[in-house]
């Protein structure tokens, strides 16, 4: 093999280690990438829900970042699952980790150089990997080290292609929940593979993580969105803020006048219409405003102070229902039978004090929200009844 061939081979190896796509569909992170794989994974789950309008399982996805633990010649991490809610029923759990950031994939190498060395390097079986889960508990006495209790081991052979590995650990996580132990220790045993240090296996932006799919039964309860997303009362915050003094108000008024100073007042377009046309326009506008219908309402999370922890979406169309449900109600108002009878009784006037039916949401759609908990874990929840699709008289 010539020197030019060796240079090309070296370049291909560098490119392959810098941009690899594994079986899981994730791109291997480069050294200058400013986001870790967990964040990218959660955001892709959010985007996937918006495309397919459903999650893989349940209505909640929780992520837990593995924290490196000190251990001599061992690869040990800790998982803190204490933010898991009692209302969240675990459906499945998967553990994700990067096997070797320098692993090459077959498409980059062996399709170009069909040498015996290349063939043997990619066809020999990979050594097995063991995931050893333990729960951590603290006794009544003051201890320097927690008491470990084995939850179980998972041994498997890694994928030949791709560097990111995913393993189902649902049984182990459910066992930990049943015991009421949410502080876990995880040790990765690579057997005879030459991984001596944690830094040889995981980089700072590609640490292991756990994804937990759950069905949060509390989301069906009233006001569930505020229970998990609202960190403080925005009304009380506004009340506590100082009001503008008279001098500030005068300053603002002068500033506003200065913005409009020098502008030439434009001729109003109203003058170009006759009185009959304007009367028709007013009647048409009055009828549209009075009829029960869906109205536009776009909610920006920054306006209500939630943008500090809500990652996506930044805003959404919530809509609202407004308008009259007077007698006779048109079919477009989609009145219920009860609303129709109530409207007739009110119109007859025999029974005083009967209000007209109300314009309320008829059909509503959910909204997926990706947010960061106070523990800095990323959570994806699908909140029901967040956007009005249609209105009716009830």
Protein backbone atom coordinates (compact mmCIF):
# COMPACT_ATOMS: atom_id res chain seq x y z
CA UNK A 1 0.00 0.00 0.00
CA UNK A 2 1.47 3.39 -1.02
CA UNK A 3 1.89 6.43 1.21
CA UNK A 4 -1.01 8.18 -0.56
CA UNK A 5 -3.26 5.25 0.24
CA UNK A 6 -2.19 5.39 3.87
CA UNK A 7 -2.98 9.12 4.03
CA UNK A 8 -6.41 8.55 2.55
CA UNK A 9 -7.01 5.69 4.96
CA UNK A 10 -6.07 7.93 7.91
CA UNK A 11 -8.40 10.69 6.71
CA UNK A 12 -11.29 8.25 6.36
CA UNK A 13 -10.69 6.96 9.87
CA UNK A 14 -10.72 10.52 11.26
CA UNK A 15 -13.91 11.42 9.41
CA UNK A 16 -15.57 8.21 10.50
CA UNK A 17 -14.82 8.85 14.14
CA UNK A 18 -15.99 12.46 13.85
CA UNK A 19 -19.39 11.81 12.30
CA UNK A 20 -21.00 8.45 12.90
CA UNK A 21 -24.63 7.51 12.65
CA UNK A 22 -25.56 4.53 14.80
CA UNK A 23 -28.43 2.10 14.65
CA UNK A 24 -30.40 4.29 17.03
CA UNK A 25 -30.42 7.12 14.49
CA UNK A 26 -28.37 9.55 16.59
CA UNK A 27 -25.31 11.37 15.35
CA UNK A 28 -22.18 10.98 17.38
CA UNK A 29 -21.34 14.29 19.05
CA UNK A 30 -18.31 16.22 17.87
CA UNK A 31 -15.97 17.89 20.32
CA UNK A 32 -17.31 21.39 19.57
CA UNK A 33 -20.97 20.49 19.94
CA UNK A 34 -22.49 22.59 22.74
CA UNK A 35 -25.38 20.29 23.62
CA UNK A 36 -25.30 16.84 25.11
CA UNK A 37 -27.03 13.84 23.58
CA UNK A 38 -29.75 13.76 26.23
CA UNK A 39 -30.97 17.25 25.29
CA UNK A 40 -30.95 16.38 21.60
CA UNK A 41 -32.81 13.12 22.27
CA UNK A 42 -35.54 14.83 24.29
CA UNK A 43 -36.02 17.54 21.69
CA UNK A 44 -36.32 14.93 18.95
CA UNK A 45 -39.01 13.17 20.97
CA UNK A 46 -40.83 16.50 21.20
CA UNK A 47 -40.56 17.02 17.43
CA UNK A 48 -41.67 13.45 16.77
CA UNK A 49 -44.79 13.95 18.86
CA UNK A 50 -45.68 17.09 16.90
CA UNK A 51 -45.39 15.08 13.69
CA UNK A 52 -47.22 11.94 14.79
CA UNK A 53 -49.43 13.42 17.56
CA UNK A 54 -48.62 10.57 19.93
CA UNK A 55 -45.85 9.39 22.19
CA UNK A 56 -44.32 5.92 22.13
CA UNK A 57 -46.04 5.18 25.45
CA UNK A 58 -48.08 7.16 27.95
CA UNK A 59 -48.14 10.94 28.23
CA UNK A 60 -44.82 11.64 29.98
CA UNK A 61 -41.14 11.15 29.20
CA UNK A 62 -38.67 11.82 31.98
CA UNK A 63 -34.91 12.01 31.56
CA UNK A 64 -32.33 11.37 34.25
CA UNK A 65 -28.71 12.23 33.70
CA UNK A 66 -26.13 9.83 35.11
CA UNK A 67 -23.69 11.47 37.52
CA UNK A 68 -20.12 10.22 37.56
CA UNK A 69 -19.15 8.59 40.83
CA UNK A 70 -15.66 8.10 42.19
CA UNK A 71 -14.50 4.51 41.91
CA UNK A 72 -11.06 2.98 41.48
CA UNK A 73 -10.72 1.18 38.15
CA UNK A 74 -14.50 0.94 37.85
CA UNK A 75 -17.05 2.77 35.73
CA UNK A 76 -19.72 3.77 38.23
CA UNK A 77 -22.54 6.30 37.91
CA UNK A 78 -25.43 7.40 40.06
CA UNK A 79 -29.02 8.08 39.05
CA UNK A 80 -31.34 10.26 41.12
CA UNK A 81 -34.97 9.35 40.41
CA UNK A 82 -36.50 11.22 43.35
CA UNK A 83 -38.41 13.61 41.07
CA UNK A 84 -40.57 10.74 39.85
CA UNK A 85 -44.15 11.48 40.93
CA UNK A 86 -46.51 9.03 42.64
CA UNK A 87 -49.10 9.71 39.95
CA UNK A 88 -46.70 8.56 37.21
CA UNK A 89 -47.10 4.89 36.34
CA UNK A 90 -43.89 3.56 34.79
CA UNK A 91 -44.45 1.93 31.41
CA UNK A 92 -40.89 1.45 30.19
CA UNK A 93 -37.34 2.62 30.85
CA UNK A 94 -34.27 2.61 28.62
CA UNK A 95 -30.63 3.25 29.49
CA UNK A 96 -28.49 4.99 26.87
CA UNK A 97 -24.70 5.14 26.84
CA UNK A 98 -21.83 5.67 24.45
CA UNK A 99 -19.76 2.51 24.10
CA UNK A 100 -16.66 3.93 22.48
CA UNK A 101 -16.36 7.35 20.95
CA UNK A 102 -13.61 6.11 18.60
CA UNK A 103 -15.52 3.12 17.20
CA UNK A 104 -15.63 3.02 13.40
CA UNK A 105 -18.59 1.89 11.41
CA UNK A 106 -18.46 -0.44 8.48
CA UNK A 107 -19.89 1.87 5.78
CA UNK A 108 -17.00 4.36 6.03
CA UNK A 109 -14.19 1.85 6.08
CA UNK A 110 -14.87 -1.57 4.73
CA UNK A 111 -16.86 -0.56 1.68
CA UNK A 112 -13.77 1.21 0.35
CA UNK A 113 -11.02 -1.12 1.53
CA UNK A 114 -11.95 -4.79 1.37
CA UNK A 115 -8.83 -6.07 3.08
CA UNK A 116 -8.72 -9.16 5.34
CA UNK A 117 -7.74 -6.96 8.29
CA UNK A 118 -10.76 -4.75 7.78
CA UNK A 119 -13.06 -7.73 7.43
CA UNK A 120 -11.85 -9.43 10.59
CA UNK A 121 -12.01 -6.22 12.61
CA UNK A 122 -15.71 -5.81 11.95
CA UNK A 123 -16.88 -9.41 11.85
CA UNK A 124 -15.49 -10.76 15.10
CA UNK A 125 -18.09 -10.69 17.90
CA UNK A 126 -17.99 -7.84 20.41
CA UNK A 127 -17.31 -8.75 24.04
CA UNK A 128 -20.35 -8.70 26.34
CA UNK A 129 -21.20 -5.73 28.55
CA UNK A 130 -22.82 -5.98 31.97
CA UNK A 131 -24.97 -3.29 33.55
CA UNK A 132 -25.12 -3.76 37.31
CA UNK A 133 -27.88 -1.77 39.03
CA UNK A 134 -27.93 -1.23 42.78
CA UNK A 135 -30.21 0.82 44.99
CA UNK A 136 -28.73 3.16 47.57
CA UNK A 137 -30.25 3.69 50.99
CA UNK A 138 -29.21 5.49 54.13
CA UNK A 139 -29.81 4.02 57.57
CA UNK A 140 -30.89 5.85 60.69
CA UNK A 141 -27.30 6.18 61.84
CA UNK A 142 -24.97 8.71 60.32
CA UNK A 143 -22.93 6.91 57.68
CA UNK A 144 -20.22 8.11 55.37
CA UNK A 145 -21.27 5.66 52.67
CA UNK A 146 -24.79 4.53 51.64
CA UNK A 147 -25.92 0.93 51.88
CA UNK A 148 -26.11 -0.76 48.46
CA UNK A 149 -28.67 -3.39 47.54
CA UNK A 150 -28.58 -5.24 44.23
CA UNK A 151 -31.47 -4.68 41.83
CA UNK A 152 -30.16 -6.95 39.10
CA UNK A 153 -27.72 -7.25 36.23
CA UNK A 154 -28.22 -6.95 32.49
CA UNK A 155 -25.65 -8.56 30.19
CA UNK A 156 -25.77 -8.08 26.44
CA UNK A 157 -23.64 -7.88 23.32
CA UNK A 158 -23.37 -4.36 21.88
CA UNK A 159 -24.33 -3.47 18.33
CA UNK A 160 -21.69 -3.97 15.72
CA UNK A 161 -22.70 -0.72 14.02
CA UNK A 162 -23.03 2.55 15.82
CA UNK A 163 -21.59 3.69 19.10
CA UNK A 164 -24.71 4.61 21.05
CA UNK A 165 -26.20 1.69 22.92
CA UNK A 166 -29.74 1.41 24.28
CA UNK A 167 -30.87 -1.23 26.75
CA UNK A 168 -34.30 -1.85 28.22
CA UNK A 169 -34.14 -1.68 32.02
CA UNK A 170 -37.86 -1.46 32.75
CA UNK A 171 -37.89 -4.41 35.14
CA UNK A 172 -35.05 -3.00 37.23
CA UNK A 173 -36.55 0.49 37.48
CA UNK A 174 -39.96 -0.90 38.42
CA UNK A 175 -38.29 -2.97 41.12
CA UNK A 176 -36.62 0.15 42.51
CA UNK A 177 -39.97 1.97 42.52
CA UNK A 178 -41.63 -0.94 44.30
CA UNK A 179 -38.96 -0.77 47.00
CA UNK A 180 -39.35 2.98 47.27
CA UNK A 181 -35.65 3.45 46.51
CA UNK A 182 -34.97 6.15 43.94
CA UNK A 183 -31.22 6.64 44.41
CA UNK A 184 -29.47 4.15 42.15
CA UNK A 185 -25.91 3.13 41.47
CA UNK A 186 -24.94 1.82 38.05
CA UNK A 187 -21.70 0.04 37.20
CA UNK A 188 -20.66 -0.80 33.64
CA UNK A 189 -18.49 -3.87 33.35
CA UNK A 190 -16.72 -4.13 29.98
CA UNK A 191 -15.02 -7.40 30.83
CA UNK A 192 -11.62 -7.78 29.19
CA UNK A 193 -11.94 -4.68 27.04
CA UNK A 194 -9.12 -2.18 27.54
CA UNK A 195 -11.27 0.57 29.12
CA UNK A 196 -9.51 1.59 32.30
CA UNK A 197 -10.90 5.05 32.92
CA UNK A 198 -14.30 6.62 32.61
CA UNK A 199 -12.89 9.34 30.37
CA UNK A 200 -11.91 6.69 27.84
CA UNK A 201 -15.55 5.71 27.43
CA UNK A 202 -17.66 8.83 27.93
CA UNK A 203 -16.99 12.45 27.03
CA UNK A 204 -18.39 15.43 28.89
CA UNK A 205 -21.17 16.01 26.35
CA UNK A 206 -22.18 12.37 25.94
CA UNK A 207 -22.76 11.10 29.46
CA UNK A 208 -25.12 8.14 30.02
CA UNK A 209 -28.76 8.85 30.71
CA UNK A 210 -32.03 7.13 31.51
CA UNK A 211 -35.32 7.73 29.69
CA UNK A 212 -38.48 6.80 31.51
CA UNK A 213 -41.86 6.57 29.78
CA UNK A 214 -44.82 6.93 32.12
CA UNK A 215 -48.52 7.60 32.22
CA UNK A 216 -49.15 10.55 34.53
CA UNK A 217 -52.66 10.07 35.88
CA UNK A 218 -52.59 13.55 37.41
CA UNK A 219 -52.72 15.16 33.95
CA UNK A 220 -56.40 14.23 33.73
CA UNK A 221 -57.11 16.28 36.85
CA UNK A 222 -58.25 19.93 36.67
CA UNK A 223 -55.52 22.56 36.53
CA UNK A 224 -52.83 19.96 35.88
CA UNK A 225 -50.73 22.31 33.75
CA UNK A 226 -50.28 24.77 36.60
CA UNK A 227 -49.49 21.99 39.06
CA UNK A 228 -46.34 21.04 37.15
CA UNK A 229 -45.38 24.18 35.21
CA UNK A 230 -46.29 27.14 37.39
CA UNK A 231 -43.44 27.98 39.76
CA UNK A 232 -44.95 31.14 41.24
CA UNK A 233 -48.14 33.20 41.12
CA UNK A 234 -47.83 35.77 38.30
CA UNK A 235 -50.70 37.84 39.75
CA UNK A 236 -49.02 38.28 43.13
CA UNK A 237 -45.79 39.17 41.35
CA UNK A 238 -47.55 41.94 39.48
CA UNK A 239 -49.14 43.22 42.68
CA UNK A 240 -45.77 43.36 44.41
CA UNK A 241 -44.17 45.34 41.58
CA UNK A 242 -44.08 49.12 42.24
CA UNK A 243 -46.47 51.27 40.23
CA UNK A 244 -45.30 54.09 38.02
CA UNK A 245 -44.98 57.42 39.76
CA UNK A 246 -46.52 60.58 38.33
CA UNK A 247 -43.13 61.70 37.07
CA UNK A 248 -42.58 58.35 35.32
CA UNK A 249 -45.99 58.56 33.67
CA UNK A 250 -45.33 62.07 32.43
CA UNK A 251 -41.95 60.94 31.14
CA UNK A 252 -43.59 58.06 29.24
CA UNK A 253 -46.21 60.37 27.80
CA UNK A 254 -43.54 62.79 26.58
CA UNK A 255 -41.63 59.86 25.10
CA UNK A 256 -44.71 58.62 23.25
CA UNK A 257 -45.45 62.11 21.95
CA UNK A 258 -41.88 62.39 20.77
CA UNK A 259 -42.19 59.16 18.79
CA UNK A 260 -45.18 60.54 16.89
CA UNK A 261 -43.79 64.05 16.53
CA UNK A 262 -43.11 65.08 12.96
CA UNK A 263 -45.42 62.51 11.42
CA UNK A 264 -47.88 63.77 8.84
CA UNK A 265 -51.41 62.68 9.76
CA UNK A 266 -52.70 60.42 7.02
CA UNK A 267 -56.15 60.82 5.55
CA UNK A 268 -58.50 58.29 7.13
CA UNK A 269 -59.77 55.63 4.74
CA UNK A 270 -63.18 55.86 6.42
CA UNK A 271 -63.91 59.09 4.57
CA UNK A 272 -63.88 57.27 1.24
CA UNK A 273 -67.01 55.23 2.13
CA UNK A 274 -70.56 56.46 2.15
CA UNK A 275 -72.84 56.14 5.17
CA UNK A 276 -74.83 53.21 3.77
CA UNK A 277 -71.68 51.13 3.24
CA UNK A 278 -70.53 51.90 6.77
CA UNK A 279 -73.87 50.85 8.27
CA UNK A 280 -73.66 47.49 6.49
CA UNK A 281 -70.08 47.00 7.67
CA UNK A 282 -71.03 47.81 11.26
CA UNK A 283 -73.97 45.38 11.17
CA UNK A 284 -71.77 42.64 9.72
CA UNK A 285 -69.04 43.26 12.31
CA UNK A 286 -71.58 43.35 15.14
CA UNK A 287 -73.05 40.01 14.01
CA UNK A 288 -69.63 38.38 13.83
CA UNK A 289 -68.63 39.61 17.26
CA UNK A 290 -71.90 38.58 18.84
CA UNK A 291 -72.12 35.06 17.45
CA UNK A 292 -70.65 32.23 19.48
CA UNK A 293 -67.39 31.31 17.79
CA UNK A 294 -63.72 30.57 18.30
CA UNK A 295 -61.51 33.62 18.74
CA UNK A 296 -57.77 33.98 18.32
CA UNK A 297 -55.55 33.77 21.38
CA UNK A 298 -51.83 33.16 21.04
CA UNK A 299 -50.07 32.45 24.32
CA UNK A 300 -46.37 33.26 24.65
CA UNK A 301 -44.78 31.57 27.65
CA UNK A 302 -42.54 34.61 28.10
CA UNK A 303 -45.61 36.77 28.74
CA UNK A 304 -46.64 34.65 31.72
CA UNK A 305 -43.11 34.15 33.02
CA UNK A 306 -42.74 30.47 32.18
CA UNK A 307 -40.08 30.82 29.50
CA UNK A 308 -37.30 30.35 32.06
CA UNK A 309 -38.04 26.62 32.24
CA UNK A 310 -40.29 25.89 29.24
CA UNK A 311 -37.99 24.96 26.36
CA UNK A 312 -40.55 24.22 23.66
CA UNK A 313 -42.82 25.48 22.35
CA UNK A 314 -42.12 29.17 22.86
CA UNK A 315 -45.77 29.95 22.13
CA UNK A 316 -48.93 28.22 20.95
CA UNK A 317 -52.44 28.99 19.70
CA UNK A 318 -54.79 28.45 22.63
CA UNK A 319 -57.88 30.21 21.18
CA UNK A 320 -60.98 30.89 23.27
CA UNK A 321 -64.75 30.88 22.87
CA UNK A 322 -66.91 34.00 23.05
CA UNK A 323 -70.19 35.29 21.71
CA UNK A 324 -73.91 35.15 22.31
CA UNK A 325 -76.12 32.08 22.40
CA UNK A 326 -79.43 33.92 22.09
CA UNK A 327 -82.73 32.66 20.70
CA UNK A 328 -83.00 31.38 18.05
CA UNK A 329 -79.62 29.70 18.04
CA UNK A 330 -78.21 28.87 14.60
CA UNK A 331 -76.96 25.40 13.76
CA UNK A 332 -73.48 26.89 13.39
CA UNK A 333 -73.46 27.38 17.17
CA UNK A 334 -73.85 23.59 17.56
CA UNK A 335 -76.17 23.91 20.57
CA UNK A 336 -76.92 20.98 22.81
CA UNK A 337 -80.54 19.93 23.40
CA UNK A 338 -80.39 21.41 26.87
CA UNK A 339 -79.06 24.71 25.52
CA UNK A 340 -81.90 24.82 22.97
CA UNK A 341 -84.58 24.30 25.65
CA UNK A 342 -82.91 26.84 27.95
CA UNK A 343 -82.84 29.38 25.14
CA UNK A 344 -86.57 28.87 24.41
CA UNK A 345 -87.56 29.19 28.09
CA UNK A 346 -85.52 32.39 28.37
CA UNK A 347 -87.12 33.82 25.23
CA UNK A 348 -90.67 33.06 26.44
CA UNK A 349 -89.91 34.83 29.71
CA UNK A 350 -92.31 32.84 31.91
CA UNK A 351 -89.55 31.95 34.38
CA UNK A 352 -87.52 35.04 35.32
CA UNK A 353 -83.76 35.02 35.83
CA UNK A 354 -82.92 32.29 33.31
CA UNK A 355 -79.58 33.19 31.65
CA UNK A 356 -78.86 32.43 28.04
CA UNK A 357 -76.66 29.42 27.26
CA UNK A 358 -72.91 29.93 27.38
CA UNK A 359 -70.41 29.81 24.55
CA UNK A 360 -67.86 27.20 25.61
CA UNK A 361 -65.20 24.95 24.02
CA UNK A 362 -66.62 21.83 22.38
CA UNK A 363 -63.48 20.09 21.11
CA UNK A 364 -59.97 20.66 22.40
CA UNK A 365 -56.54 19.30 21.48
CA UNK A 366 -53.52 18.47 23.67
CA UNK A 367 -50.16 20.21 23.71
CA UNK A 368 -46.72 18.67 24.22
CA UNK A 369 -44.45 20.77 26.43
CA UNK A 370 -40.73 20.19 26.90
CA UNK A 371 -39.51 21.82 30.09
CA UNK A 372 -36.76 21.70 32.68
CA UNK A 373 -37.52 20.81 36.26
CA UNK A 374 -35.97 22.58 39.20
CA UNK A 375 -33.64 19.57 39.43
CA UNK A 376 -32.54 20.47 35.86
CA UNK A 377 -33.92 17.22 34.45
CA UNK A 378 -35.71 17.52 31.11
CA UNK A 379 -39.34 16.38 31.04
CA UNK A 380 -41.76 16.02 28.14
CA UNK A 381 -45.45 16.02 29.04
CA UNK A 382 -48.56 15.99 26.87
CA UNK A 383 -51.17 18.20 28.53
CA UNK A 384 -54.79 17.58 27.48
CA UNK A 385 -57.31 20.29 26.57
CA UNK A 386 -54.81 23.04 25.81
CA UNK A 387 -56.10 24.39 22.49
CA UNK A 388 -59.71 25.05 21.46
CA UNK A 389 -60.70 23.42 18.18
CA UNK A 390 -64.40 24.33 18.09
CA UNK A 391 -67.00 26.16 20.19
CA UNK A 392 -70.67 25.54 20.89
CA UNK A 393 -73.56 26.79 23.00
CA UNK A 394 -74.13 24.81 26.17
